[in-house]
Amino acid sequence: MTNYLEELGNNLRRARKLRFPKDGLAAFALRIGVSRSTLQKMEKGDLTVATGKYYRAAEILGLADTFDALLHQDESLFDDPRPV
């Protein structure tokens, strides 16, 4: 699981630098409403940061639709349509 979180953090860092190349950590942290230290944790894939903060960053970066896709599961012909 740690590798996935590290990858998430790396992707966040890359997206931030592409979308807002003039923003440093402090400026982008202000955009998404977190502290600089929280953004640093996010970019390291820290498990203690709430998922909502990652989602807010995805919104600001224009990536919320891809974030939503993380929990999307296509139904198969064999799925039971009744709620669990």
PDB file of N, CA and C in Angstrom:
ATOM      1  N   MET A   1       0.830  -1.192   0.000  1.00  0.00           N
ATOM      2  CA  MET A   1       0.000   0.000   0.000  1.00  0.00           C
ATOM      3  C   MET A   1       0.871   1.251   0.000  1.00  0.00           C
ATOM      4  N   THR A   2       1.975   1.225   0.659  1.00  0.00           N
ATOM      5  CA  THR A   2       2.843   2.398   0.733  1.00  0.00           C
ATOM      6  C   THR A   2       3.265   2.873  -0.651  1.00  0.00           C
ATOM      7  N   ASN A   3       3.557   1.934  -1.558  1.00  0.00           N
ATOM      8  CA  ASN A   3       3.968   2.323  -2.905  1.00  0.00           C
ATOM      9  C   ASN A   3       2.873   3.095  -3.622  1.00  0.00           C
ATOM     10  N   TYR A   4       1.602   2.695  -3.425  1.00  0.00           N
ATOM     11  CA  TYR A   4       0.499   3.400  -4.053  1.00  0.00           C
ATOM     12  C   TYR A   4       0.381   4.817  -3.514  1.00  0.00           C
ATOM     13  N   LEU A   5       0.570   4.972  -2.220  1.00  0.00           N
ATOM     14  CA  LEU A   5       0.486   6.295  -1.619  1.00  0.00           C
ATOM     15  C   LEU A   5       1.643   7.176  -2.076  1.00  0.00           C
ATOM     16  N   GLU A   6       2.814   6.586  -2.178  1.00  0.00           N
ATOM     17  CA  GLU A   6       3.963   7.346  -2.686  1.00  0.00           C
ATOM     18  C   GLU A   6       3.706   7.782  -4.124  1.00  0.00           C
ATOM     19  N   GLU A   7       3.124   6.904  -4.908  1.00  0.00           N
ATOM     20  CA  GLU A   7       2.801   7.241  -6.296  1.00  0.00           C
ATOM     21  C   GLU A   7       1.757   8.358  -6.352  1.00  0.00           C
ATOM     22  N   LEU A   8       0.766   8.295  -5.475  1.00  0.00           N
ATOM     23  CA  LEU A   8      -0.239   9.350  -5.389  1.00  0.00           C
ATOM     24  C   LEU A   8       0.429  10.691  -5.077  1.00  0.00           C
ATOM     25  N   GLY A   9       1.333  10.692  -4.109  1.00  0.00           N
ATOM     26  CA  GLY A   9       2.051  11.907  -3.751  1.00  0.00           C
ATOM     27  C   GLY A   9       2.899  12.435  -4.901  1.00  0.00           C
ATOM     28  N   ASN A  10       3.593  11.545  -5.587  1.00  0.00           N
ATOM     29  CA  ASN A  10       4.402  11.957  -6.736  1.00  0.00           C
ATOM     30  C   ASN A  10       3.535  12.525  -7.851  1.00  0.00           C
ATOM     31  N   ASN A  11       2.384  11.899  -8.086  1.00  0.00           N
ATOM     32  CA  ASN A  11       1.461  12.401  -9.109  1.00  0.00           C
ATOM     33  C   ASN A  11       0.932  13.778  -8.741  1.00  0.00           C
ATOM     34  N   LEU A  12       0.635  13.978  -7.470  1.00  0.00           N
ATOM     35  CA  LEU A  12       0.180  15.276  -7.000  1.00  0.00           C
ATOM     36  C   LEU A  12       1.253  16.337  -7.240  1.00  0.00           C
ATOM     37  N   ARG A  13       2.474  16.036  -6.889  1.00  0.00           N
ATOM     38  CA  ARG A  13       3.580  16.982  -7.082  1.00  0.00           C
ATOM     39  C   ARG A  13       3.741  17.345  -8.565  1.00  0.00           C
ATOM     40  N   ARG A  14       3.726  16.321  -9.424  1.00  0.00           N
ATOM     41  CA  ARG A  14       3.862  16.570 -10.872  1.00  0.00           C
ATOM     42  C   ARG A  14       2.722  17.417 -11.406  1.00  0.00           C
ATOM     43  N   ALA A  15       1.510  17.102 -10.994  1.00  0.00           N
ATOM     44  CA  ALA A  15       0.342  17.856 -11.458  1.00  0.00           C
ATOM     45  C   ALA A  15       0.399  19.301 -10.978  1.00  0.00           C
ATOM     46  N   ARG A  16       0.820  19.485  -9.738  1.00  0.00           N
ATOM     47  CA  ARG A  16       0.941  20.854  -9.205  1.00  0.00           C
ATOM     48  C   ARG A  16       1.938  21.655 -10.023  1.00  0.00           C
ATOM     49  N   LYS A  17       3.068  21.062 -10.319  1.00  0.00           N
ATOM     50  CA  LYS A  17       4.114  21.774 -11.053  1.00  0.00           C
ATOM     51  C   LYS A  17       3.720  22.043 -12.508  1.00  0.00           C
ATOM     52  N   LEU A  18       2.923  21.156 -13.091  1.00  0.00           N
ATOM     53  CA  LEU A  18       2.455  21.376 -14.463  1.00  0.00           C
ATOM     54  C   LEU A  18       1.360  22.443 -14.527  1.00  0.00           C
ATOM     55  N   ARG A  19       0.399  22.347 -13.617  1.00  0.00           N
ATOM     56  CA  ARG A  19      -0.762  23.257 -13.649  1.00  0.00           C
ATOM     57  C   ARG A  19      -0.438  24.630 -13.095  1.00  0.00           C
ATOM     58  N   PHE A  20       0.365  24.679 -12.047  1.00  0.00           N
ATOM     59  CA  PHE A  20       0.722  25.943 -11.392  1.00  0.00           C
ATOM     60  C   PHE A  20       2.242  26.031 -11.250  1.00  0.00           C
ATOM     61  N   PRO A  21       2.961  26.182 -12.347  1.00  0.00           N
ATOM     62  CA  PRO A  21       4.427  26.136 -12.305  1.00  0.00           C
ATOM     63  C   PRO A  21       5.074  27.225 -11.447  1.00  0.00           C
ATOM     64  N   LYS A  22       4.378  28.318 -11.213  1.00  0.00           N
ATOM     65  CA  LYS A  22       4.952  29.402 -10.404  1.00  0.00           C
ATOM     66  C   LYS A  22       4.657  29.245  -8.918  1.00  0.00           C
ATOM     67  N   ASP A  23       3.781  28.296  -8.577  1.00  0.00           N
ATOM     68  CA  ASP A  23       3.438  28.076  -7.169  1.00  0.00           C
ATOM     69  C   ASP A  23       4.497  27.226  -6.481  1.00  0.00           C
ATOM     70  N   GLY A  24       4.956  27.694  -5.359  1.00  0.00           N
ATOM     71  CA  GLY A  24       5.753  26.856  -4.479  1.00  0.00           C
ATOM     72  C   GLY A  24       4.802  26.095  -3.567  1.00  0.00           C
ATOM     73  N   LEU A  25       5.346  25.384  -2.614  1.00  0.00           N
ATOM     74  CA  LEU A  25       4.511  24.624  -1.683  1.00  0.00           C
ATOM     75  C   LEU A  25       3.523  25.512  -0.932  1.00  0.00           C
ATOM     76  N   ALA A  26       4.002  26.642  -0.425  1.00  0.00           N
ATOM     77  CA  ALA A  26       3.148  27.510   0.383  1.00  0.00           C
ATOM     78  C   ALA A  26       1.991  28.076  -0.437  1.00  0.00           C
ATOM     79  N   ALA A  27       2.257  28.492  -1.668  1.00  0.00           N
ATOM     80  CA  ALA A  27       1.215  29.083  -2.506  1.00  0.00           C
ATOM     81  C   ALA A  27       0.154  28.048  -2.884  1.00  0.00           C
ATOM     82  N   PHE A  28       0.588  26.843  -3.237  1.00  0.00           N
ATOM     83  CA  PHE A  28      -0.398  25.822  -3.610  1.00  0.00           C
ATOM     84  C   PHE A  28      -1.157  25.342  -2.380  1.00  0.00           C
ATOM     85  N   ALA A  29      -0.491  25.243  -1.255  1.00  0.00           N
ATOM     86  CA  ALA A  29      -1.167  24.856  -0.017  1.00  0.00           C
ATOM     87  C   ALA A  29      -2.295  25.838   0.288  1.00  0.00           C
ATOM     88  N   LEU A  30      -2.038  27.123   0.081  1.00  0.00           N
ATOM     89  CA  LEU A  30      -3.055  28.139   0.291  1.00  0.00           C
ATOM     90  C   LEU A  30      -4.228  27.928  -0.670  1.00  0.00           C
ATOM     91  N   ARG A  31      -3.944  27.595  -1.908  1.00  0.00           N
ATOM     92  CA  ARG A  31      -5.003  27.336  -2.901  1.00  0.00           C
ATOM     93  C   ARG A  31      -5.944  26.222  -2.458  1.00  0.00           C
ATOM     94  N   ILE A  32      -5.392  25.174  -1.868  1.00  0.00           N
ATOM     95  CA  ILE A  32      -6.223  24.025  -1.509  1.00  0.00           C
ATOM     96  C   ILE A  32      -6.685  24.044  -0.053  1.00  0.00           C
ATOM     97  N   GLY A  33      -6.255  25.048   0.693  1.00  0.00           N
ATOM     98  CA  GLY A  33      -6.746  25.224   2.059  1.00  0.00           C
ATOM     99  C   GLY A  33      -6.105  24.324   3.094  1.00  0.00           C
ATOM    100  N   VAL A  34      -4.813  24.030   2.904  1.00  0.00           N
ATOM    101  CA  VAL A  34      -4.081  23.240   3.897  1.00  0.00           C
ATOM    102  C   VAL A  34      -2.802  23.980   4.263  1.00  0.00           C
ATOM    103  N   SER A  35      -2.147  23.519   5.297  1.00  0.00           N
ATOM    104  CA  SER A  35      -0.867  24.115   5.662  1.00  0.00           C
ATOM    105  C   SER A  35       0.224  23.588   4.727  1.00  0.00           C
ATOM    106  N   ARG A  36       1.326  24.292   4.715  1.00  0.00           N
ATOM    107  CA  ARG A  36       2.473  23.872   3.899  1.00  0.00           C
ATOM    108  C   ARG A  36       2.951  22.480   4.319  1.00  0.00           C
ATOM    109  N   SER A  37       2.980  22.248   5.626  1.00  0.00           N
ATOM    110  CA  SER A  37       3.448  20.951   6.119  1.00  0.00           C
ATOM    111  C   SER A  37       2.493  19.821   5.725  1.00  0.00           C
ATOM    112  N   THR A  38       1.186  20.106   5.678  1.00  0.00           N
ATOM    113  CA  THR A  38       0.232  19.089   5.238  1.00  0.00           C
ATOM    114  C   THR A  38       0.442  18.774   3.763  1.00  0.00           C
ATOM    115  N   LEU A  39       0.682  19.805   2.946  1.00  0.00           N
ATOM    116  CA  LEU A  39       0.952  19.565   1.531  1.00  0.00           C
ATOM    117  C   LEU A  39       2.223  18.742   1.357  1.00  0.00           C
ATOM    118  N   GLN A  40       3.222  19.012   2.154  1.00  0.00           N
ATOM    119  CA  GLN A  40       4.447  18.206   2.090  1.00  0.00           C
ATOM    120  C   GLN A  40       4.129  16.739   2.382  1.00  0.00           C
ATOM    121  N   LYS A  41       3.303  16.498   3.388  1.00  0.00           N
ATOM    122  CA  LYS A  41       2.899  15.133   3.716  1.00  0.00           C
ATOM    123  C   LYS A  41       2.136  14.504   2.554  1.00  0.00           C
ATOM    124  N   MET A  42       1.247  15.282   1.950  1.00  0.00           N
ATOM    125  CA  MET A  42       0.467  14.780   0.819  1.00  0.00           C
ATOM    126  C   MET A  42       1.378  14.366  -0.326  1.00  0.00           C
ATOM    127  N   GLU A  43       2.373  15.176  -0.603  1.00  0.00           N
ATOM    128  CA  GLU A  43       3.276  14.885  -1.712  1.00  0.00           C
ATOM    129  C   GLU A  43       4.224  13.727  -1.411  1.00  0.00           C
ATOM    130  N   LYS A  44       4.270  13.313  -0.155  1.00  0.00           N
ATOM    131  CA  LYS A  44       5.034  12.119   0.221  1.00  0.00           C
ATOM    132  C   LYS A  44       4.126  10.891   0.301  1.00  0.00           C
ATOM    133  N   GLY A  45       2.796  11.114   0.139  1.00  0.00           N
ATOM    134  CA  GLY A  45       1.850  10.002   0.226  1.00  0.00           C
ATOM    135  C   GLY A  45       1.582   9.575   1.652  1.00  0.00           C
ATOM    136  N   ASP A  46       1.590  10.523   2.561  1.00  0.00           N
ATOM    137  CA  ASP A  46       1.394  10.234   3.981  1.00  0.00           C
ATOM    138  C   ASP A  46      -0.034   9.740   4.246  1.00  0.00           C
ATOM    139  N   LEU A  47      -0.129   8.588   4.889  1.00  0.00           N
ATOM    140  CA  LEU A  47      -1.406   7.959   5.187  1.00  0.00           C
ATOM    141  C   LEU A  47      -2.239   8.741   6.203  1.00  0.00           C
ATOM    142  N   THR A  48      -1.627   9.624   6.974  1.00  0.00           N
ATOM    143  CA  THR A  48      -2.366  10.351   8.003  1.00  0.00           C
ATOM    144  C   THR A  48      -3.167  11.526   7.456  1.00  0.00           C
ATOM    145  N   VAL A  49      -2.972  11.889   6.195  1.00  0.00           N
ATOM    146  CA  VAL A  49      -3.703  13.010   5.601  1.00  0.00           C
ATOM    147  C   VAL A  49      -5.068  12.509   5.117  1.00  0.00           C
ATOM    148  N   ALA A  50      -6.118  13.246   5.474  1.00  0.00           N
ATOM    149  CA  ALA A  50      -7.477  12.855   5.097  1.00  0.00           C
ATOM    150  C   ALA A  50      -7.653  12.843   3.581  1.00  0.00           C
ATOM    151  N   THR A  51      -8.409  11.887   3.102  1.00  0.00           N
ATOM    152  CA  THR A  51      -8.663  11.741   1.676  1.00  0.00           C
ATOM    153  C   THR A  51      -9.317  12.991   1.091  1.00  0.00           C
ATOM    154  N   GLY A  52     -10.122  13.669   1.884  1.00  0.00           N
ATOM    155  CA  GLY A  52     -10.777  14.890   1.421  1.00  0.00           C
ATOM    156  C   GLY A  52      -9.788  15.964   1.002  1.00  0.00           C
ATOM    157  N   LYS A  53      -8.646  15.997   1.626  1.00  0.00           N
ATOM    158  CA  LYS A  53      -7.624  16.979   1.254  1.00  0.00           C
ATOM    159  C   LYS A  53      -7.025  16.642  -0.109  1.00  0.00           C
ATOM    160  N   TYR A  54      -6.828  15.355  -0.362  1.00  0.00           N
ATOM    161  CA  TYR A  54      -6.358  14.934  -1.686  1.00  0.00           C
ATOM    162  C   TYR A  54      -7.409  15.269  -2.745  1.00  0.00           C
ATOM    163  N   TYR A  55      -8.672  15.061  -2.394  1.00  0.00           N
ATOM    164  CA  TYR A  55      -9.750  15.349  -3.342  1.00  0.00           C
ATOM    165  C   TYR A  55      -9.802  16.846  -3.642  1.00  0.00           C
ATOM    166  N   ARG A  56      -9.649  17.667  -2.639  1.00  0.00           N
ATOM    167  CA  ARG A  56      -9.661  19.120  -2.854  1.00  0.00           C
ATOM    168  C   ARG A  56      -8.525  19.521  -3.791  1.00  0.00           C
ATOM    169  N   ALA A  57      -7.365  18.946  -3.606  1.00  0.00           N
ATOM    170  CA  ALA A  57      -6.235  19.220  -4.503  1.00  0.00           C
ATOM    171  C   ALA A  57      -6.588  18.793  -5.924  1.00  0.00           C
ATOM    172  N   ALA A  58      -7.227  17.632  -6.061  1.00  0.00           N
ATOM    173  CA  ALA A  58      -7.632  17.149  -7.385  1.00  0.00           C
ATOM    174  C   ALA A  58      -8.622  18.112  -8.031  1.00  0.00           C
ATOM    175  N   GLU A  59      -9.533  18.661  -7.250  1.00  0.00           N
ATOM    176  CA  GLU A  59     -10.485  19.650  -7.784  1.00  0.00           C
ATOM    177  C   GLU A  59      -9.760  20.871  -8.319  1.00  0.00           C
ATOM    178  N   ILE A  60      -8.859  21.417  -7.537  1.00  0.00           N
ATOM    179  CA  ILE A  60      -8.125  22.619  -7.928  1.00  0.00           C
ATOM    180  C   ILE A  60      -7.273  22.350  -9.165  1.00  0.00           C
ATOM    181  N   LEU A  61      -6.756  21.142  -9.282  1.00  0.00           N
ATOM    182  CA  LEU A  61      -5.917  20.772 -10.427  1.00  0.00           C
ATOM    183  C   LEU A  61      -6.738  20.352 -11.647  1.00  0.00           C
ATOM    184  N   GLY A  62      -8.056  20.317 -11.511  1.00  0.00           N
ATOM    185  CA  GLY A  62      -8.913  19.901 -12.608  1.00  0.00           C
ATOM    186  C   GLY A  62      -8.906  18.402 -12.830  1.00  0.00           C
ATOM    187  N   LEU A  63      -8.623  17.647 -11.786  1.00  0.00           N
ATOM    188  CA  LEU A  63      -8.508  16.193 -11.891  1.00  0.00           C
ATOM    189  C   LEU A  63      -9.533  15.445 -11.050  1.00  0.00           C
ATOM    190  N   ALA A  64     -10.579  16.126 -10.614  1.00  0.00           N
ATOM    191  CA  ALA A  64     -11.559  15.489  -9.735  1.00  0.00           C
ATOM    192  C   ALA A  64     -12.229  14.295 -10.403  1.00  0.00           C
ATOM    193  N   ASP A  65     -12.453  14.361 -11.711  1.00  0.00           N
ATOM    194  CA  ASP A  65     -13.105  13.236 -12.385  1.00  0.00           C
ATOM    195  C   ASP A  65     -12.237  11.982 -12.349  1.00  0.00           C
ATOM    196  N   THR A  66     -10.942  12.149 -12.437  1.00  0.00           N
ATOM    197  CA  THR A  66     -10.065  10.978 -12.363  1.00  0.00           C
ATOM    198  C   THR A  66      -9.990  10.459 -10.928  1.00  0.00           C
ATOM    199  N   PHE A  67     -10.072  11.352  -9.972  1.00  0.00           N
ATOM    200  CA  PHE A  67     -10.082  10.951  -8.564  1.00  0.00           C
ATOM    201  C   PHE A  67     -11.339  10.135  -8.274  1.00  0.00           C
ATOM    202  N   ASP A  68     -12.473  10.585  -8.799  1.00  0.00           N
ATOM    203  CA  ASP A  68     -13.726   9.867  -8.604  1.00  0.00           C
ATOM    204  C   ASP A  68     -13.653   8.458  -9.183  1.00  0.00           C
ATOM    205  N   ALA A  69     -12.886   8.297 -10.239  1.00  0.00           N
ATOM    206  CA  ALA A  69     -12.772   6.999 -10.907  1.00  0.00           C
ATOM    207  C   ALA A  69     -12.055   5.957 -10.045  1.00  0.00           C
ATOM    208  N   LEU A  70     -11.369   6.375  -9.008  1.00  0.00           N
ATOM    209  CA  LEU A  70     -10.661   5.422  -8.150  1.00  0.00           C
ATOM    210  C   LEU A  70     -11.602   4.399  -7.530  1.00  0.00           C
ATOM    211  N   LEU A  71     -12.810   4.818  -7.216  1.00  0.00           N
ATOM    212  CA  LEU A  71     -13.747   3.934  -6.527  1.00  0.00           C
ATOM    213  C   LEU A  71     -14.863   3.443  -7.436  1.00  0.00           C
ATOM    214  N   HIS A  72     -14.735   3.678  -8.724  1.00  0.00           N
ATOM    215  CA  HIS A  72     -15.749   3.231  -9.671  1.00  0.00           C
ATOM    216  C   HIS A  72     -15.498   1.780 -10.050  1.00  0.00           C
ATOM    217  N   GLN A  73     -16.565   1.009 -10.020  1.00  0.00           N
ATOM    218  CA  GLN A  73     -16.451  -0.392 -10.398  1.00  0.00           C
ATOM    219  C   GLN A  73     -17.531  -0.686 -11.428  1.00  0.00           C
ATOM    220  N   ASP A  74     -17.122  -1.186 -12.567  1.00  0.00           N
ATOM    221  CA  ASP A  74     -18.077  -1.571 -13.591  1.00  0.00           C
ATOM    222  C   ASP A  74     -18.821  -2.820 -13.147  1.00  0.00           C
ATOM    223  N   GLU A  75     -20.106  -2.848 -13.460  1.00  0.00           N
ATOM    224  CA  GLU A  75     -20.896  -4.032 -13.145  1.00  0.00           C
ATOM    225  C   GLU A  75     -20.656  -5.077 -14.217  1.00  0.00           C
ATOM    226  N   SER A  76     -20.673  -6.311 -13.810  1.00  0.00           N
ATOM    227  CA  SER A  76     -20.557  -7.398 -14.767  1.00  0.00           C
ATOM    228  C   SER A  76     -21.912  -8.083 -14.887  1.00  0.00           C
ATOM    229  N   LEU A  77     -22.032  -8.945 -15.829  1.00  0.00           N
ATOM    230  CA  LEU A  77     -23.276  -9.691 -16.016  1.00  0.00           C
ATOM    231  C   LEU A  77     -23.570 -10.597 -14.825  1.00  0.00           C
ATOM    232  N   PHE A  78     -22.559 -10.879 -14.033  1.00  0.00           N
ATOM    233  CA  PHE A  78     -22.709 -11.811 -12.919  1.00  0.00           C
ATOM    234  C   PHE A  78     -22.945 -11.115 -11.580  1.00  0.00           C
ATOM    235  N   ASP A  79     -22.939  -9.769 -11.564  1.00  0.00           N
ATOM    236  CA  ASP A  79     -23.158  -9.031 -10.325  1.00  0.00           C
ATOM    237  C   ASP A  79     -24.627  -9.112  -9.903  1.00  0.00           C
ATOM    238  N   ASP A  80     -24.836  -9.218  -8.619  1.00  0.00           N
ATOM    239  CA  ASP A  80     -26.170  -9.201  -8.056  1.00  0.00           C
ATOM    240  C   ASP A  80     -26.584  -7.747  -7.894  1.00  0.00           C
ATOM    241  N   PRO A  81     -27.688  -7.291  -8.511  1.00  0.00           N
ATOM    242  CA  PRO A  81     -28.073  -5.889  -8.444  1.00  0.00           C
ATOM    243  C   PRO A  81     -28.626  -5.462  -7.090  1.00  0.00           C
ATOM    244  N   ARG A  82     -28.878  -6.406  -6.191  1.00  0.00           N
ATOM    245  CA  ARG A  82     -29.406  -6.059  -4.874  1.00  0.00           C
ATOM    246  C   ARG A  82     -28.319  -5.435  -4.008  1.00  0.00           C
ATOM    247  N   PRO A  83     -28.667  -4.407  -3.210  1.00  0.00           N
ATOM    248  CA  PRO A  83     -27.663  -3.805  -2.310  1.00  0.00           C
ATOM    249  C   PRO A  83     -27.188  -4.808  -1.280  1.00  0.00           C
ATOM    250  N   VAL A  84     -25.959  -4.651  -0.879  1.00  0.00           N
ATOM    251  CA  VAL A  84     -25.352  -5.559   0.102  1.00  0.00           C
ATOM    252  C   VAL A  84     -25.773  -5.163   1.486  1.00  0.00           C
TER     253      VAL A  84
END
